[in-house]
């Protein structure tokens, strides 16, 4: 099973009724604030901010009614539940390598097909989907390039991919000694981070996957209020997450790591 310490913590917390597990009952990703300078540490505000970030990624996919949509790394199914609530006659599929997350997703989001599988070796036939989503999870996959190649394979012509990811300011900085040390500290809380950036930047990866990069949007500033909230939650229920989260906050505040929403098209 993939090493995901923060999911282990959340799943353990569900049995105890911890605050963090309740906040992440639907989504397990950062929040998006239109006015980050006015953000507070209110937990209801954070839940709404997570919903907004989800909507920002979905908007890049340009979903239409009656489409087939794959959510890779679907977590507890929150993204697909949101689509199900706002679109009609959709064929929705969630994929995750962690059976524990899928058990919860199946319980919380009826009417969606959830499949256990590897996002870098998708168990679907070619041209099966109109859209592929990956909300804040691609950094866990063994290879960004292989995931995008597989997504291109299962996409119909004219299809789109929308995802969010933490992208270093400079790719070279991510693979130098200091970058490796920082990544190692973050991994202690957030788990395996795949191959890193040895495959190049997203423009290069898209080209090598046979895709066009059509959206590359930096929303780092809109996500920064997430960090004090995470610190409060993890300080209360998950000490092992505090320092990895502080490292993420530090490199994000310095803009060494950028939170980006990306979109790709298959011609």
Protein backbone atom coordinates (compact mmCIF):
# COMPACT_ATOMS: atom_id res chain seq x y z
CA UNK A 1 0.00 0.00 0.00
CA UNK A 2 1.20 3.52 -0.74
CA UNK A 3 2.66 5.38 2.24
CA UNK A 4 0.26 8.20 3.17
CA UNK A 5 0.80 9.17 6.83
CA UNK A 6 -1.74 12.01 6.76
CA UNK A 7 -4.46 9.69 5.46
CA UNK A 8 -3.53 7.15 8.13
CA UNK A 9 -4.04 9.92 10.69
CA UNK A 10 -7.40 10.96 9.23
CA UNK A 11 -8.66 7.39 9.04
CA UNK A 12 -7.60 6.71 12.62
CA UNK A 13 -9.27 9.94 13.66
CA UNK A 14 -12.59 8.96 12.08
CA UNK A 15 -12.94 6.26 14.75
CA UNK A 16 -12.18 8.71 17.55
CA UNK A 17 -14.21 11.62 16.19
CA UNK A 18 -11.18 13.93 15.94
CA UNK A 19 -11.75 17.47 14.67
CA UNK A 20 -9.41 17.00 11.69
CA UNK A 21 -11.21 13.91 10.46
CA UNK A 22 -14.56 15.73 10.60
CA UNK A 23 -13.24 18.71 8.65
CA UNK A 24 -11.82 16.42 5.95
CA UNK A 25 -14.87 14.20 5.74
CA UNK A 26 -15.66 15.31 2.16
CA UNK A 27 -12.47 16.76 0.73
CA UNK A 28 -8.82 16.20 1.63
CA UNK A 29 -7.13 19.16 -0.02
CA UNK A 30 -6.18 22.79 0.49
CA UNK A 31 -8.65 25.69 0.50
CA UNK A 32 -9.09 28.59 -1.91
CA UNK A 33 -9.88 32.11 -0.65
CA UNK A 34 -10.90 34.89 -3.05
CA UNK A 35 -9.67 37.40 -0.46
CA UNK A 36 -6.89 35.58 1.42
CA UNK A 37 -5.97 38.70 3.37
CA UNK A 38 -9.37 38.54 5.08
CA UNK A 39 -9.27 34.82 5.89
CA UNK A 40 -9.77 33.59 9.45
CA UNK A 41 -9.12 30.27 11.16
CA UNK A 42 -12.84 29.49 11.26
CA UNK A 43 -13.31 25.83 10.34
CA UNK A 44 -16.60 26.37 8.50
CA UNK A 45 -14.82 28.97 6.37
CA UNK A 46 -12.10 26.42 5.62
CA UNK A 47 -14.64 23.80 4.51
CA UNK A 48 -16.16 26.36 2.15
CA UNK A 49 -12.68 27.23 0.88
CA UNK A 50 -12.00 23.57 0.08
CA UNK A 51 -15.23 23.48 -1.90
CA UNK A 52 -14.12 26.58 -3.82
CA UNK A 53 -10.76 25.03 -4.68
CA UNK A 54 -12.57 21.95 -5.93
CA UNK A 55 -14.78 24.17 -8.10
CA UNK A 56 -11.75 26.02 -9.50
CA UNK A 57 -10.22 22.74 -10.71
CA UNK A 58 -13.51 21.45 -12.09
CA UNK A 59 -14.00 24.71 -14.01
CA UNK A 60 -10.80 24.03 -15.97
CA UNK A 61 -12.25 20.68 -17.08
CA UNK A 62 -15.23 22.48 -18.66
CA UNK A 63 -17.67 19.72 -17.76
CA UNK A 64 -20.86 19.24 -19.73
CA UNK A 65 -23.91 17.11 -18.99
CA UNK A 66 -23.84 13.45 -20.07
CA UNK A 67 -20.05 13.15 -20.03
CA UNK A 68 -17.88 10.32 -18.73
CA UNK A 69 -15.53 11.58 -16.01
CA UNK A 70 -12.65 9.84 -14.23
CA UNK A 71 -11.40 11.23 -10.92
CA UNK A 72 -7.97 9.73 -10.29
CA UNK A 73 -6.88 9.77 -6.65
CA UNK A 74 -10.52 10.34 -5.73
CA UNK A 75 -10.09 10.26 -1.95
CA UNK A 76 -13.44 10.04 -0.17
CA UNK A 77 -15.36 10.92 -3.35
CA UNK A 78 -16.05 14.59 -2.60
CA UNK A 79 -15.17 15.86 -6.07
CA UNK A 80 -17.44 13.35 -7.78
CA UNK A 81 -20.23 14.11 -5.30
CA UNK A 82 -20.00 17.78 -6.25
CA UNK A 83 -20.20 16.92 -9.96
CA UNK A 84 -23.11 14.56 -9.32
CA UNK A 85 -24.99 17.37 -7.57
CA UNK A 86 -24.55 19.94 -10.35
CA UNK A 87 -24.48 17.99 -13.61
CA UNK A 88 -26.98 15.65 -15.24
CA UNK A 89 -26.70 12.12 -16.66
CA UNK A 90 -22.98 11.85 -15.88
CA UNK A 91 -21.01 8.61 -16.00
CA UNK A 92 -18.72 9.06 -13.00
CA UNK A 93 -15.77 6.86 -11.99
CA UNK A 94 -13.42 7.26 -9.05
CA UNK A 95 -10.04 5.54 -8.88
CA UNK A 96 -7.77 5.15 -5.88
CA UNK A 97 -4.94 2.84 -4.87
CA UNK A 98 -6.04 2.87 -1.21
CA UNK A 99 -8.96 0.50 -0.58
CA UNK A 100 -9.70 2.18 2.77
CA UNK A 101 -10.52 5.47 1.08
CA UNK A 102 -12.69 3.71 -1.47
CA UNK A 103 -14.73 1.98 1.24
CA UNK A 104 -15.66 5.41 2.62
CA UNK A 105 -16.28 6.86 -0.84
CA UNK A 106 -18.70 4.06 -1.73
CA UNK A 107 -20.60 4.66 1.48
CA UNK A 108 -20.74 8.44 1.06
CA UNK A 109 -21.34 8.75 -2.69
CA UNK A 110 -23.82 6.18 -4.01
CA UNK A 111 -24.33 5.96 -7.74
CA UNK A 112 -20.65 6.34 -8.60
CA UNK A 113 -18.34 3.53 -9.72
CA UNK A 114 -15.26 3.35 -7.49
CA UNK A 115 -12.33 1.19 -8.58
CA UNK A 116 -9.11 0.26 -6.82
CA UNK A 117 -6.17 0.77 -9.17
CA UNK A 118 -2.92 2.50 -10.14
CA UNK A 119 -3.25 5.92 -11.76
CA UNK A 120 -0.11 5.22 -13.81
CA UNK A 121 -1.61 2.02 -15.23
CA UNK A 122 -5.28 2.86 -15.65
CA UNK A 123 -7.54 -0.21 -15.86
CA UNK A 124 -9.69 1.23 -18.64
CA UNK A 125 -9.92 0.87 -22.40
CA UNK A 126 -8.68 3.59 -24.74
CA UNK A 127 -10.99 6.57 -25.31
CA UNK A 128 -13.27 5.73 -22.37
CA UNK A 129 -13.62 9.20 -20.82
CA UNK A 130 -14.42 12.77 -21.81
CA UNK A 131 -12.59 14.23 -18.81
CA UNK A 132 -9.94 13.18 -16.29
CA UNK A 133 -9.46 14.93 -12.95
CA UNK A 134 -6.70 14.71 -10.33
CA UNK A 135 -7.25 17.11 -7.44
CA UNK A 136 -4.16 17.56 -5.28
CA UNK A 137 -2.87 14.01 -5.62
CA UNK A 138 -0.61 13.72 -8.67
CA UNK A 139 2.53 14.27 -6.57
CA UNK A 140 1.84 10.89 -4.95
CA UNK A 141 1.82 9.06 -8.28
CA UNK A 142 5.04 7.25 -9.30
CA UNK A 143 5.33 9.45 -12.40
CA UNK A 144 3.52 12.58 -13.58
CA UNK A 145 4.49 11.75 -17.16
CA UNK A 146 3.14 8.21 -16.99
CA UNK A 147 -0.11 9.41 -15.46
CA UNK A 148 -0.62 11.97 -18.21
CA UNK A 149 0.24 9.39 -20.87
CA UNK A 150 -2.32 7.02 -19.41
CA UNK A 151 -4.87 9.82 -19.14
CA UNK A 152 -4.28 10.71 -22.78
CA UNK A 153 -4.82 7.08 -23.72
CA UNK A 154 -8.18 6.78 -21.95
CA UNK A 155 -9.39 10.21 -23.09
CA UNK A 156 -11.60 10.61 -26.12
CA UNK A 157 -10.39 13.02 -28.83
CA UNK A 158 -11.13 16.55 -27.67
CA UNK A 159 -11.00 15.45 -24.04
CA UNK A 160 -9.48 17.43 -21.17
CA UNK A 161 -7.49 16.80 -18.03
CA UNK A 162 -7.68 19.14 -15.03
CA UNK A 163 -5.49 18.84 -11.96
CA UNK A 164 -3.89 20.74 -9.12
CA UNK A 165 -0.31 20.30 -7.97
CA UNK A 166 2.52 21.77 -5.93
CA UNK A 167 5.09 22.98 -8.47
CA UNK A 168 8.58 24.27 -7.56
CA UNK A 169 9.56 27.76 -8.62
CA UNK A 170 12.47 26.27 -10.53
CA UNK A 171 12.64 22.60 -11.47
CA UNK A 172 16.40 22.60 -10.96
CA UNK A 173 15.90 23.76 -7.36
CA UNK A 174 13.59 20.85 -6.65
CA UNK A 175 16.23 18.26 -7.52
CA UNK A 176 19.29 19.84 -5.88
CA UNK A 177 20.58 18.85 -2.43
CA UNK A 178 18.60 21.47 -0.50
CA UNK A 179 15.43 20.61 -2.39
CA UNK A 180 15.94 16.94 -1.61
CA UNK A 181 16.35 17.66 2.11
CA UNK A 182 13.15 19.72 2.19
CA UNK A 183 11.24 17.04 0.30
CA UNK A 184 12.44 14.41 2.77
CA UNK A 185 11.04 16.44 5.68
CA UNK A 186 7.69 16.94 3.95
CA UNK A 187 7.49 13.23 3.13
CA UNK A 188 7.51 12.39 6.84
CA UNK A 189 3.97 13.69 7.04
CA UNK A 190 2.63 13.63 3.52
CA UNK A 191 4.12 10.39 2.23
CA UNK A 192 5.62 9.27 -1.04
CA UNK A 193 6.10 11.99 -3.64
CA UNK A 194 6.82 9.91 -6.74
CA UNK A 195 9.73 10.72 -9.04
CA UNK A 196 9.75 14.40 -8.24
CA UNK A 197 10.68 16.56 -11.22
CA UNK A 198 13.22 14.45 -13.09
CA UNK A 199 10.80 14.30 -16.05
CA UNK A 200 10.91 18.07 -16.68
CA UNK A 201 8.39 20.88 -16.26
CA UNK A 202 4.72 20.56 -17.17
CA UNK A 203 5.21 21.99 -20.63
CA UNK A 204 7.74 19.24 -21.37
CA UNK A 205 5.68 16.54 -19.68
CA UNK A 206 2.55 17.52 -21.61
CA UNK A 207 4.38 17.46 -24.93
CA UNK A 208 5.88 14.04 -24.18
CA UNK A 209 2.45 12.72 -23.20
CA UNK A 210 0.92 13.90 -26.49
CA UNK A 211 -1.12 16.66 -24.84
CA UNK A 212 -1.39 20.44 -25.03
CA UNK A 213 -0.98 22.48 -21.86
CA UNK A 214 -3.88 24.95 -22.04
CA UNK A 215 -4.10 26.25 -18.47
CA UNK A 216 -1.31 26.95 -15.98
CA UNK A 217 -2.61 29.11 -13.16
CA UNK A 218 -0.73 30.04 -9.99
CA UNK A 219 -3.14 30.20 -7.03
CA UNK A 220 -0.55 30.04 -4.25
CA UNK A 221 -1.72 33.27 -2.61
CA UNK A 222 -5.33 32.03 -2.51
CA UNK A 223 -4.28 28.82 -0.70
CA UNK A 224 -1.95 30.23 1.98
CA UNK A 225 -4.65 30.62 4.68
CA UNK A 226 -4.80 26.81 4.71
CA UNK A 227 -1.58 26.54 6.73
CA UNK A 228 -2.56 28.11 10.07
CA UNK A 229 -5.74 26.03 10.02
CA UNK A 230 -3.81 22.83 9.39
CA UNK A 231 -1.39 23.76 12.15
CA UNK A 232 -4.29 24.14 14.61
CA UNK A 233 -5.84 20.84 13.58
CA UNK A 234 -2.67 18.80 13.55
CA UNK A 235 -1.31 20.38 16.72
CA UNK A 236 -4.39 19.07 18.49
CA UNK A 237 -4.60 15.60 16.95
CA UNK A 238 -1.48 14.75 14.94
CA UNK A 239 1.89 15.89 16.24
CA UNK A 240 3.73 14.00 13.50
CA UNK A 241 2.12 16.30 10.91
CA UNK A 242 3.13 19.61 12.49
CA UNK A 243 6.69 19.94 11.18
CA UNK A 244 6.00 18.61 7.66
CA UNK A 245 3.18 21.17 7.43
CA UNK A 246 5.50 23.94 8.67
CA UNK A 247 8.00 23.04 5.96
CA UNK A 248 5.26 23.26 3.33
CA UNK A 249 4.11 26.60 4.72
CA UNK A 250 7.66 27.98 4.72
CA UNK A 251 8.47 27.07 1.10
CA UNK A 252 5.02 28.25 -0.04
CA UNK A 253 5.26 31.60 1.73
CA UNK A 254 8.66 32.13 0.10
CA UNK A 255 7.09 31.18 -3.26
CA UNK A 256 9.68 28.43 -3.66
CA UNK A 257 6.74 26.08 -4.09
CA UNK A 258 3.70 27.18 -6.07
CA UNK A 259 0.20 25.78 -5.91
CA UNK A 260 -1.00 25.55 -9.50
CA UNK A 261 -4.09 24.50 -11.40
CA UNK A 262 -3.29 22.97 -14.77
CA UNK A 263 -5.38 21.95 -17.75
CA UNK A 264 -4.47 19.77 -20.73
CA UNK A 265 -6.24 18.99 -23.99
CA UNK A 266 -6.12 15.95 -26.26
CA UNK A 267 -6.53 16.87 -29.91
